[in-house]
Amino acid sequence: MPGRSSSSVKIYWLDSQRVMEKLKAVARQMRASHPEIEQVLLFGSLARGEAAPGSDADLLVILSSSTQPFLERIPRYLPVGLPVGVDVFPYTREEIDRMLAEGNLFIRQATREGIALA
């Protein structure tokens, strides 16, 4: 009697170099198409070199300004076509400076370990 096949995908290996090349290319495209983007930083496990299969890319997108609320910005800056999942955090420079002054640990870690992609 045949066994039941799993429909889930298992990833055993993450090509970090390929992922970084794609992230840099996408970040350059993002800056070219959105002049309000000052910088795109990669932070989290990929930036620390601790990524494992299934890890996503955490991107801090630093904007010169925005009139939209934070949650409404996310779809505008969410890149597509990457070999990994992406979490994007589009904050204005003013918001980041304020959060750092308030001691926000999330933003502090993201800016401290962030790798500039574009």
N, C-alpha and C. Protein backbone atom coordinates (compact mmCIF):
# COMPACT_ATOMS: atom_id res chain seq x y z
N MET A 1 0.84 -1.17 0.00
CA MET A 1 0.00 0.00 0.00
C MET A 1 0.88 1.24 0.00
N PRO A 2 0.67 2.17 -0.98
CA PRO A 2 1.51 3.36 -1.06
C PRO A 2 1.29 4.27 0.14
N GLY A 3 2.39 4.92 0.56
CA GLY A 3 2.30 5.88 1.66
C GLY A 3 1.75 7.21 1.18
N ARG A 4 1.26 7.99 2.10
CA ARG A 4 0.71 9.30 1.77
C ARG A 4 1.84 10.30 1.58
N SER A 5 1.77 11.05 0.53
CA SER A 5 2.79 12.04 0.21
C SER A 5 2.46 13.36 0.89
N SER A 6 3.46 14.02 1.39
CA SER A 6 3.27 15.33 2.01
C SER A 6 3.19 16.41 0.93
N SER A 7 2.26 17.33 1.09
CA SER A 7 2.13 18.40 0.10
C SER A 7 2.95 19.63 0.49
N SER A 8 3.64 19.58 1.62
CA SER A 8 4.42 20.74 2.04
C SER A 8 5.80 20.71 1.39
N VAL A 9 6.39 21.88 1.29
CA VAL A 9 7.73 22.02 0.72
C VAL A 9 8.71 22.09 1.87
N LYS A 10 9.78 21.36 1.75
CA LYS A 10 10.84 21.40 2.75
C LYS A 10 12.07 22.03 2.12
N ILE A 11 12.62 23.02 2.77
CA ILE A 11 13.82 23.69 2.29
C ILE A 11 14.97 23.27 3.19
N TYR A 12 16.01 22.73 2.59
CA TYR A 12 17.12 22.22 3.37
C TYR A 12 18.34 23.13 3.33
N TRP A 13 18.36 24.08 2.41
CA TRP A 13 19.55 24.88 2.22
C TRP A 13 19.15 26.27 1.75
N LEU A 14 19.78 27.29 2.27
CA LEU A 14 19.51 28.67 1.89
C LEU A 14 20.77 29.22 1.22
N ASP A 15 20.65 29.64 -0.01
CA ASP A 15 21.77 30.22 -0.75
C ASP A 15 21.85 31.70 -0.38
N SER A 16 22.55 31.99 0.72
CA SER A 16 22.61 33.35 1.25
C SER A 16 23.21 34.34 0.27
N GLN A 17 24.22 33.93 -0.48
CA GLN A 17 24.84 34.83 -1.45
C GLN A 17 23.84 35.23 -2.53
N ARG A 18 23.09 34.27 -3.05
CA ARG A 18 22.08 34.56 -4.08
C ARG A 18 20.99 35.47 -3.51
N VAL A 19 20.57 35.20 -2.28
CA VAL A 19 19.53 36.02 -1.65
C VAL A 19 20.03 37.46 -1.49
N MET A 20 21.28 37.63 -1.05
CA MET A 20 21.83 38.99 -0.87
C MET A 20 21.93 39.73 -2.20
N GLU A 21 22.34 39.04 -3.25
CA GLU A 21 22.42 39.69 -4.56
C GLU A 21 21.03 40.16 -5.02
N LYS A 22 20.03 39.31 -4.83
CA LYS A 22 18.65 39.67 -5.22
C LYS A 22 18.15 40.83 -4.36
N LEU A 23 18.42 40.79 -3.07
CA LEU A 23 17.97 41.87 -2.18
C LEU A 23 18.59 43.21 -2.57
N LYS A 24 19.88 43.20 -2.90
CA LYS A 24 20.54 44.43 -3.31
C LYS A 24 19.94 44.97 -4.60
N ALA A 25 19.67 44.09 -5.56
CA ALA A 25 19.07 44.52 -6.83
C ALA A 25 17.68 45.10 -6.61
N VAL A 26 16.88 44.43 -5.78
CA VAL A 26 15.53 44.92 -5.50
C VAL A 26 15.58 46.24 -4.75
N ALA A 27 16.50 46.38 -3.82
CA ALA A 27 16.63 47.63 -3.08
C ALA A 27 17.01 48.79 -4.00
N ARG A 28 17.90 48.54 -4.96
CA ARG A 28 18.26 49.58 -5.93
C ARG A 28 17.04 49.98 -6.77
N GLN A 29 16.26 48.98 -7.19
CA GLN A 29 15.04 49.26 -7.96
C GLN A 29 14.04 50.07 -7.13
N MET A 30 13.91 49.72 -5.86
CA MET A 30 12.99 50.44 -4.98
C MET A 30 13.39 51.92 -4.88
N ARG A 31 14.67 52.17 -4.68
CA ARG A 31 15.14 53.56 -4.57
C ARG A 31 14.94 54.31 -5.88
N ALA A 32 15.15 53.63 -6.99
CA ALA A 32 15.00 54.29 -8.29
C ALA A 32 13.54 54.66 -8.56
N SER A 33 12.62 53.83 -8.11
CA SER A 33 11.20 54.09 -8.40
C SER A 33 10.49 54.87 -7.30
N HIS A 34 11.13 55.03 -6.15
CA HIS A 34 10.54 55.78 -5.04
C HIS A 34 11.57 56.78 -4.51
N PRO A 35 11.59 58.00 -5.04
CA PRO A 35 12.61 58.97 -4.64
C PRO A 35 12.59 59.34 -3.16
N GLU A 36 11.49 59.05 -2.46
CA GLU A 36 11.43 59.36 -1.04
C GLU A 36 12.20 58.36 -0.18
N ILE A 37 12.65 57.26 -0.78
CA ILE A 37 13.45 56.28 -0.03
C ILE A 37 14.87 56.80 0.08
N GLU A 38 15.32 56.99 1.32
CA GLU A 38 16.69 57.43 1.57
C GLU A 38 17.64 56.24 1.63
N GLN A 39 17.15 55.14 2.23
CA GLN A 39 18.03 54.00 2.42
C GLN A 39 17.18 52.75 2.67
N VAL A 40 17.73 51.60 2.29
CA VAL A 40 17.11 50.31 2.59
C VAL A 40 18.14 49.50 3.36
N LEU A 41 17.77 49.10 4.58
CA LEU A 41 18.66 48.32 5.43
C LEU A 41 18.10 46.91 5.63
N LEU A 42 18.98 45.92 5.54
CA LEU A 42 18.62 44.55 5.88
C LEU A 42 19.04 44.33 7.32
N PHE A 43 18.12 43.80 8.13
CA PHE A 43 18.46 43.46 9.51
C PHE A 43 17.87 42.09 9.83
N GLY A 44 18.13 41.59 11.01
CA GLY A 44 17.62 40.28 11.40
C GLY A 44 18.60 39.17 11.08
N SER A 45 18.08 37.95 11.00
CA SER A 45 18.95 36.77 10.88
C SER A 45 19.80 36.79 9.61
N LEU A 46 19.26 37.27 8.50
CA LEU A 46 20.07 37.32 7.26
C LEU A 46 21.24 38.29 7.43
N ALA A 47 21.01 39.43 8.06
CA ALA A 47 22.08 40.41 8.26
C ALA A 47 23.14 39.90 9.23
N ARG A 48 22.71 39.12 10.22
CA ARG A 48 23.65 38.59 11.21
C ARG A 48 24.37 37.33 10.73
N GLY A 49 23.99 36.81 9.57
CA GLY A 49 24.59 35.58 9.08
C GLY A 49 24.07 34.35 9.79
N GLU A 50 22.89 34.46 10.38
CA GLU A 50 22.29 33.35 11.14
C GLU A 50 21.06 32.78 10.44
N ALA A 51 20.88 33.10 9.18
CA ALA A 51 19.68 32.65 8.46
C ALA A 51 19.67 31.14 8.30
N ALA A 52 18.48 30.60 8.36
CA ALA A 52 18.26 29.17 8.17
C ALA A 52 17.20 29.01 7.09
N PRO A 53 17.07 27.82 6.56
CA PRO A 53 15.98 27.62 5.60
C PRO A 53 14.65 28.07 6.22
N GLY A 54 13.91 28.84 5.46
CA GLY A 54 12.65 29.38 5.95
C GLY A 54 12.76 30.77 6.53
N SER A 55 13.99 31.28 6.70
CA SER A 55 14.17 32.65 7.21
C SER A 55 13.64 33.65 6.19
N ASP A 56 13.18 34.77 6.69
CA ASP A 56 12.74 35.83 5.80
C ASP A 56 13.73 36.98 5.86
N ALA A 57 13.53 37.95 4.98
CA ALA A 57 14.36 39.15 4.95
C ALA A 57 13.60 40.28 5.64
N ASP A 58 14.24 40.90 6.60
CA ASP A 58 13.65 42.04 7.30
C ASP A 58 14.28 43.31 6.74
N LEU A 59 13.44 44.17 6.16
CA LEU A 59 13.94 45.39 5.54
C LEU A 59 13.42 46.62 6.26
N LEU A 60 14.34 47.47 6.69
CA LEU A 60 13.98 48.77 7.23
C LEU A 60 14.13 49.76 6.08
N VAL A 61 13.01 50.31 5.64
CA VAL A 61 13.01 51.26 4.53
C VAL A 61 12.90 52.65 5.14
N ILE A 62 13.95 53.44 4.98
CA ILE A 62 14.00 54.77 5.58
C ILE A 62 13.55 55.80 4.55
N LEU A 63 12.48 56.50 4.90
CA LEU A 63 11.85 57.46 4.00
C LEU A 63 12.18 58.89 4.44
N SER A 64 12.30 59.78 3.47
CA SER A 64 12.51 61.20 3.81
C SER A 64 11.24 61.76 4.43
N SER A 65 10.08 61.34 3.93
CA SER A 65 8.80 61.78 4.49
C SER A 65 7.69 60.90 3.94
N SER A 66 6.54 60.98 4.61
CA SER A 66 5.35 60.27 4.15
C SER A 66 4.14 60.87 4.84
N THR A 67 3.04 60.98 4.10
CA THR A 67 1.80 61.47 4.69
C THR A 67 0.89 60.31 5.08
N GLN A 68 1.25 59.09 4.68
CA GLN A 68 0.44 57.92 4.99
C GLN A 68 0.76 57.37 6.38
N PRO A 69 -0.24 56.80 7.05
CA PRO A 69 0.04 56.08 8.29
C PRO A 69 0.94 54.87 8.00
N PHE A 70 1.69 54.44 8.98
CA PHE A 70 2.66 53.36 8.82
C PHE A 70 2.08 52.13 8.12
N LEU A 71 0.98 51.60 8.60
CA LEU A 71 0.42 50.37 8.03
C LEU A 71 0.00 50.52 6.58
N GLU A 72 -0.41 51.71 6.18
CA GLU A 72 -0.80 51.94 4.79
C GLU A 72 0.40 52.05 3.86
N ARG A 73 1.57 52.27 4.40
CA ARG A 73 2.79 52.35 3.58
C ARG A 73 3.30 50.99 3.15
N ILE A 74 3.06 49.99 3.95
CA ILE A 74 3.69 48.68 3.74
C ILE A 74 3.46 48.14 2.33
N PRO A 75 2.23 48.11 1.82
CA PRO A 75 2.05 47.55 0.45
C PRO A 75 2.83 48.31 -0.62
N ARG A 76 3.01 49.61 -0.43
CA ARG A 76 3.73 50.42 -1.42
C ARG A 76 5.19 50.01 -1.54
N TYR A 77 5.79 49.58 -0.44
CA TYR A 77 7.21 49.28 -0.42
C TYR A 77 7.53 47.79 -0.29
N LEU A 78 6.53 46.95 -0.39
CA LEU A 78 6.74 45.51 -0.27
C LEU A 78 7.27 44.95 -1.60
N PRO A 79 8.52 44.53 -1.64
CA PRO A 79 9.08 44.02 -2.89
C PRO A 79 8.54 42.64 -3.23
N VAL A 80 8.52 42.33 -4.51
CA VAL A 80 8.08 41.02 -4.98
C VAL A 80 9.20 40.37 -5.77
N GLY A 81 9.07 39.08 -6.00
CA GLY A 81 10.04 38.37 -6.84
C GLY A 81 11.32 37.99 -6.14
N LEU A 82 11.29 37.91 -4.82
CA LEU A 82 12.49 37.51 -4.09
C LEU A 82 12.42 36.03 -3.73
N PRO A 83 13.59 35.39 -3.57
CA PRO A 83 13.59 33.96 -3.25
C PRO A 83 13.28 33.65 -1.78
N VAL A 84 13.00 34.67 -0.99
CA VAL A 84 12.63 34.51 0.43
C VAL A 84 11.45 35.43 0.74
N GLY A 85 10.77 35.14 1.82
CA GLY A 85 9.72 36.03 2.28
C GLY A 85 10.33 37.34 2.77
N VAL A 86 9.53 38.39 2.80
CA VAL A 86 10.03 39.70 3.19
C VAL A 86 9.07 40.36 4.18
N ASP A 87 9.64 40.93 5.23
CA ASP A 87 8.91 41.82 6.12
C ASP A 87 9.51 43.20 5.92
N VAL A 88 8.66 44.18 5.62
CA VAL A 88 9.14 45.53 5.33
C VAL A 88 8.63 46.48 6.39
N PHE A 89 9.51 47.38 6.83
CA PHE A 89 9.20 48.36 7.87
C PHE A 89 9.53 49.75 7.34
N PRO A 90 8.57 50.41 6.68
CA PRO A 90 8.82 51.72 6.08
C PRO A 90 8.56 52.87 7.06
N TYR A 91 9.62 53.38 7.65
CA TYR A 91 9.53 54.49 8.61
C TYR A 91 10.21 55.72 8.04
N THR A 92 9.70 56.89 8.40
CA THR A 92 10.36 58.13 8.01
C THR A 92 11.58 58.34 8.90
N ARG A 93 12.50 59.14 8.42
CA ARG A 93 13.70 59.48 9.20
C ARG A 93 13.28 60.09 10.54
N GLU A 94 12.27 60.96 10.52
CA GLU A 94 11.79 61.61 11.75
C GLU A 94 11.25 60.57 12.74
N GLU A 95 10.49 59.59 12.23
CA GLU A 95 9.95 58.54 13.11
C GLU A 95 11.07 57.71 13.73
N ILE A 96 12.06 57.39 12.93
CA ILE A 96 13.19 56.60 13.44
C ILE A 96 13.94 57.37 14.50
N ASP A 97 14.23 58.65 14.24
CA ASP A 97 14.94 59.48 15.22
C ASP A 97 14.15 59.56 16.53
N ARG A 98 12.83 59.72 16.42
CA ARG A 98 11.99 59.81 17.62
C ARG A 98 12.01 58.49 18.39
N MET A 99 11.87 57.37 17.67
CA MET A 99 11.87 56.06 18.33
C MET A 99 13.22 55.76 18.99
N LEU A 100 14.30 56.15 18.35
CA LEU A 100 15.62 55.96 18.96
C LEU A 100 15.74 56.80 20.24
N ALA A 101 15.27 58.04 20.20
CA ALA A 101 15.31 58.91 21.37
C ALA A 101 14.46 58.36 22.51
N GLU A 102 13.39 57.65 22.16
CA GLU A 102 12.50 57.05 23.16
C GLU A 102 13.03 55.70 23.66
N GLY A 103 14.12 55.21 23.07
CA GLY A 103 14.71 53.95 23.51
C GLY A 103 14.06 52.72 22.92
N ASN A 104 13.43 52.85 21.76
CA ASN A 104 12.77 51.72 21.10
C ASN A 104 13.82 50.66 20.74
N LEU A 105 13.73 49.50 21.39
CA LEU A 105 14.74 48.45 21.20
C LEU A 105 14.70 47.85 19.80
N PHE A 106 13.53 47.72 19.22
CA PHE A 106 13.40 47.16 17.87
C PHE A 106 14.16 48.02 16.86
N ILE A 107 13.91 49.32 16.88
CA ILE A 107 14.57 50.24 15.93
C ILE A 107 16.06 50.34 16.24
N ARG A 108 16.41 50.32 17.51
CA ARG A 108 17.82 50.38 17.88
C ARG A 108 18.57 49.18 17.30
N GLN A 109 18.00 47.98 17.45
CA GLN A 109 18.67 46.79 16.92
C GLN A 109 18.71 46.82 15.39
N ALA A 110 17.61 47.21 14.76
CA ALA A 110 17.55 47.25 13.30
C ALA A 110 18.60 48.20 12.73
N THR A 111 18.75 49.38 13.34
CA THR A 111 19.73 50.34 12.83
C THR A 111 21.16 49.94 13.19
N ARG A 112 21.33 49.27 14.32
CA ARG A 112 22.68 48.86 14.74
C ARG A 112 23.21 47.72 13.86
N GLU A 113 22.37 46.72 13.58
CA GLU A 113 22.85 45.57 12.83
C GLU A 113 22.56 45.68 11.33
N GLY A 114 21.87 46.72 10.93
CA GLY A 114 21.44 46.85 9.55
C GLY A 114 22.59 46.93 8.55
N ILE A 115 22.40 46.24 7.44
CA ILE A 115 23.34 46.28 6.32
C ILE A 115 22.69 47.09 5.21
N ALA A 116 23.36 48.15 4.76
CA ALA A 116 22.81 48.99 3.70
C ALA A 116 22.78 48.21 2.38
N LEU A 117 21.58 48.07 1.83
CA LEU A 117 21.40 47.41 0.55
C LEU A 117 21.39 48.42 -0.58
N ALA A 118 20.87 49.60 -0.30
CA ALA A 118 20.81 50.68 -1.30
C ALA A 118 20.60 51.98 -0.57
